[in-house]
Amino acid sequence: MNKRIKELADEAEKYADYHFKGEPFWTEAYEQKFAELIVKECAKRSGELGQPEIGRGLMIHFGIKE
């Protein structure tokens, strides 16, 4: 697995553990946070490459707030 993807997965797991540990919604929380982090990473990278409108479009498309 790509190092950055692993870092994002770990961050999503910590989020789910902190907010939903032992609850039936843990998996859903983890998956949602992981997807959100990936979209944010893509949006950030598009801005770094001089295409911030693509990043904004991704955030809007997926309904993610900054």
N, C-alpha and C. Protein backbone atom coordinates (compact mmCIF):
# COMPACT_ATOMS: atom_id res chain seq x y z
N MET A 1 0.84 -1.17 0.00
CA MET A 1 0.00 0.00 0.00
C MET A 1 0.89 1.24 0.00
N ASN A 2 0.50 2.23 -0.76
CA ASN A 2 1.20 3.50 -0.81
C ASN A 2 1.32 4.09 0.60
N LYS A 3 2.48 4.66 0.92
CA LYS A 3 2.72 5.19 2.26
C LYS A 3 1.69 6.24 2.65
N ARG A 4 1.36 7.15 1.75
CA ARG A 4 0.41 8.22 2.08
C ARG A 4 -0.99 7.65 2.30
N ILE A 5 -1.38 6.67 1.51
CA ILE A 5 -2.69 6.04 1.70
C ILE A 5 -2.74 5.36 3.06
N LYS A 6 -1.66 4.70 3.44
CA LYS A 6 -1.59 4.07 4.76
C LYS A 6 -1.73 5.10 5.87
N GLU A 7 -1.08 6.27 5.71
CA GLU A 7 -1.20 7.33 6.71
C GLU A 7 -2.65 7.82 6.82
N LEU A 8 -3.31 7.98 5.67
CA LEU A 8 -4.70 8.42 5.69
C LEU A 8 -5.60 7.35 6.32
N ALA A 9 -5.34 6.09 6.04
CA ALA A 9 -6.11 5.00 6.65
C ALA A 9 -5.92 5.00 8.17
N ASP A 10 -4.70 5.21 8.61
CA ASP A 10 -4.43 5.26 10.05
C ASP A 10 -5.16 6.44 10.70
N GLU A 11 -5.16 7.59 10.03
CA GLU A 11 -5.85 8.76 10.55
C GLU A 11 -7.36 8.51 10.64
N ALA A 12 -7.91 7.86 9.63
CA ALA A 12 -9.34 7.54 9.65
C ALA A 12 -9.65 6.55 10.77
N GLU A 13 -8.76 5.60 10.99
CA GLU A 13 -8.96 4.62 12.07
C GLU A 13 -8.94 5.30 13.44
N LYS A 14 -8.00 6.21 13.63
CA LYS A 14 -7.94 6.95 14.90
C LYS A 14 -9.21 7.76 15.12
N TYR A 15 -9.70 8.38 14.06
CA TYR A 15 -10.94 9.15 14.14
C TYR A 15 -12.10 8.24 14.56
N ALA A 16 -12.24 7.10 13.89
CA ALA A 16 -13.34 6.18 14.20
C ALA A 16 -13.20 5.62 15.61
N ASP A 17 -11.97 5.29 16.02
CA ASP A 17 -11.76 4.79 17.38
C ASP A 17 -12.15 5.84 18.42
N TYR A 18 -11.78 7.07 18.18
CA TYR A 18 -12.05 8.14 19.14
C TYR A 18 -13.55 8.43 19.25
N HIS A 19 -14.23 8.46 18.12
CA HIS A 19 -15.64 8.87 18.12
C HIS A 19 -16.64 7.71 18.18
N PHE A 20 -16.25 6.51 17.76
CA PHE A 20 -17.23 5.43 17.60
C PHE A 20 -16.75 4.07 18.12
N LYS A 21 -15.72 4.02 18.95
CA LYS A 21 -15.18 2.74 19.41
C LYS A 21 -16.28 1.93 20.11
N GLY A 22 -16.41 0.68 19.69
CA GLY A 22 -17.38 -0.21 20.29
C GLY A 22 -18.80 -0.03 19.80
N GLU A 23 -19.01 0.90 18.91
CA GLU A 23 -20.36 1.14 18.39
C GLU A 23 -20.53 0.45 17.04
N PRO A 24 -21.76 0.13 16.68
CA PRO A 24 -21.99 -0.56 15.41
C PRO A 24 -21.69 0.30 14.18
N PHE A 25 -21.53 1.61 14.37
CA PHE A 25 -21.28 2.51 13.24
C PHE A 25 -19.79 2.75 12.99
N TRP A 26 -18.92 2.02 13.70
CA TRP A 26 -17.48 2.24 13.57
C TRP A 26 -17.02 2.09 12.13
N THR A 27 -17.40 1.01 11.47
CA THR A 27 -16.95 0.75 10.10
C THR A 27 -17.42 1.84 9.16
N GLU A 28 -18.66 2.24 9.30
CA GLU A 28 -19.20 3.31 8.45
C GLU A 28 -18.44 4.61 8.69
N ALA A 29 -18.16 4.93 9.95
CA ALA A 29 -17.42 6.15 10.27
C ALA A 29 -16.01 6.10 9.70
N TYR A 30 -15.36 4.95 9.83
CA TYR A 30 -14.01 4.79 9.30
C TYR A 30 -14.01 4.97 7.78
N GLU A 31 -14.90 4.28 7.10
CA GLU A 31 -14.94 4.35 5.63
C GLU A 31 -15.25 5.76 5.14
N GLN A 32 -16.18 6.42 5.81
CA GLN A 32 -16.55 7.78 5.40
C GLN A 32 -15.38 8.74 5.61
N LYS A 33 -14.71 8.63 6.75
CA LYS A 33 -13.58 9.51 7.03
C LYS A 33 -12.42 9.23 6.08
N PHE A 34 -12.16 7.96 5.79
CA PHE A 34 -11.08 7.60 4.88
C PHE A 34 -11.34 8.18 3.49
N ALA A 35 -12.56 8.03 3.00
CA ALA A 35 -12.92 8.60 1.69
C ALA A 35 -12.78 10.11 1.70
N GLU A 36 -13.24 10.76 2.77
CA GLU A 36 -13.13 12.22 2.88
C GLU A 36 -11.67 12.65 2.84
N LEU A 37 -10.82 11.95 3.56
CA LEU A 37 -9.40 12.30 3.58
C LEU A 37 -8.75 12.13 2.21
N ILE A 38 -9.14 11.11 1.48
CA ILE A 38 -8.59 10.90 0.13
C ILE A 38 -9.02 12.03 -0.80
N VAL A 39 -10.30 12.41 -0.74
CA VAL A 39 -10.78 13.50 -1.59
C VAL A 39 -10.06 14.80 -1.23
N LYS A 40 -9.91 15.07 0.06
CA LYS A 40 -9.20 16.29 0.48
C LYS A 40 -7.76 16.28 0.00
N GLU A 41 -7.11 15.13 0.06
CA GLU A 41 -5.73 15.00 -0.41
C GLU A 41 -5.65 15.29 -1.91
N CYS A 42 -6.59 14.76 -2.67
CA CYS A 42 -6.62 15.01 -4.12
C CYS A 42 -6.86 16.48 -4.42
N ALA A 43 -7.77 17.09 -3.67
CA ALA A 43 -8.07 18.51 -3.86
C ALA A 43 -6.84 19.36 -3.54
N LYS A 44 -6.17 19.02 -2.46
CA LYS A 44 -4.95 19.75 -2.08
C LYS A 44 -3.88 19.62 -3.16
N ARG A 45 -3.72 18.41 -3.65
CA ARG A 45 -2.68 18.17 -4.67
C ARG A 45 -3.00 18.90 -5.97
N SER A 46 -4.27 18.98 -6.35
CA SER A 46 -4.62 19.70 -7.58
C SER A 46 -4.28 21.18 -7.44
N GLY A 47 -4.47 21.72 -6.24
CA GLY A 47 -4.09 23.12 -6.00
C GLY A 47 -2.59 23.31 -6.11
N GLU A 48 -1.83 22.36 -5.58
CA GLU A 48 -0.37 22.43 -5.66
C GLU A 48 0.11 22.37 -7.10
N LEU A 49 -0.67 21.72 -7.95
CA LEU A 49 -0.30 21.60 -9.37
C LEU A 49 -0.88 22.72 -10.22
N GLY A 50 -1.43 23.74 -9.56
CA GLY A 50 -1.93 24.91 -10.27
C GLY A 50 -3.35 24.76 -10.82
N GLN A 51 -4.10 23.80 -10.29
CA GLN A 51 -5.48 23.57 -10.75
C GLN A 51 -6.45 23.59 -9.56
N PRO A 52 -6.50 24.70 -8.81
CA PRO A 52 -7.36 24.72 -7.62
C PRO A 52 -8.84 24.54 -7.93
N GLU A 53 -9.27 24.91 -9.13
CA GLU A 53 -10.69 24.75 -9.48
C GLU A 53 -11.08 23.27 -9.54
N ILE A 54 -10.15 22.42 -9.90
CA ILE A 54 -10.43 20.97 -9.89
C ILE A 54 -10.64 20.50 -8.46
N GLY A 55 -9.80 20.97 -7.56
CA GLY A 55 -9.94 20.60 -6.15
C GLY A 55 -11.26 21.07 -5.57
N ARG A 56 -11.63 22.31 -5.88
CA ARG A 56 -12.93 22.82 -5.39
C ARG A 56 -14.07 22.00 -5.97
N GLY A 57 -13.95 21.63 -7.24
CA GLY A 57 -14.97 20.82 -7.88
C GLY A 57 -15.12 19.45 -7.22
N LEU A 58 -13.99 18.85 -6.87
CA LEU A 58 -14.03 17.56 -6.18
C LEU A 58 -14.72 17.69 -4.82
N MET A 59 -14.37 18.72 -4.09
CA MET A 59 -14.96 18.92 -2.77
C MET A 59 -16.47 19.12 -2.87
N ILE A 60 -16.88 19.92 -3.83
CA ILE A 60 -18.31 20.16 -4.03
C ILE A 60 -19.02 18.88 -4.46
N HIS A 61 -18.44 18.19 -5.42
CA HIS A 61 -19.04 16.97 -5.96
C HIS A 61 -19.29 15.94 -4.84
N PHE A 62 -18.34 15.80 -3.93
CA PHE A 62 -18.46 14.81 -2.87
C PHE A 62 -19.08 15.38 -1.59
N GLY A 63 -19.45 16.66 -1.61
CA GLY A 63 -20.12 17.27 -0.46
C GLY A 63 -19.24 17.38 0.77
N ILE A 64 -17.96 17.69 0.54
CA ILE A 64 -17.01 17.77 1.65
C ILE A 64 -16.68 19.24 1.91
N LYS A 65 -16.77 19.62 3.17
CA LYS A 65 -16.43 20.99 3.56
C LYS A 65 -14.98 21.03 3.99
N GLU A 66 -14.36 22.17 3.73
CA GLU A 66 -12.94 22.31 4.06
C GLU A 66 -12.72 22.44 5.53
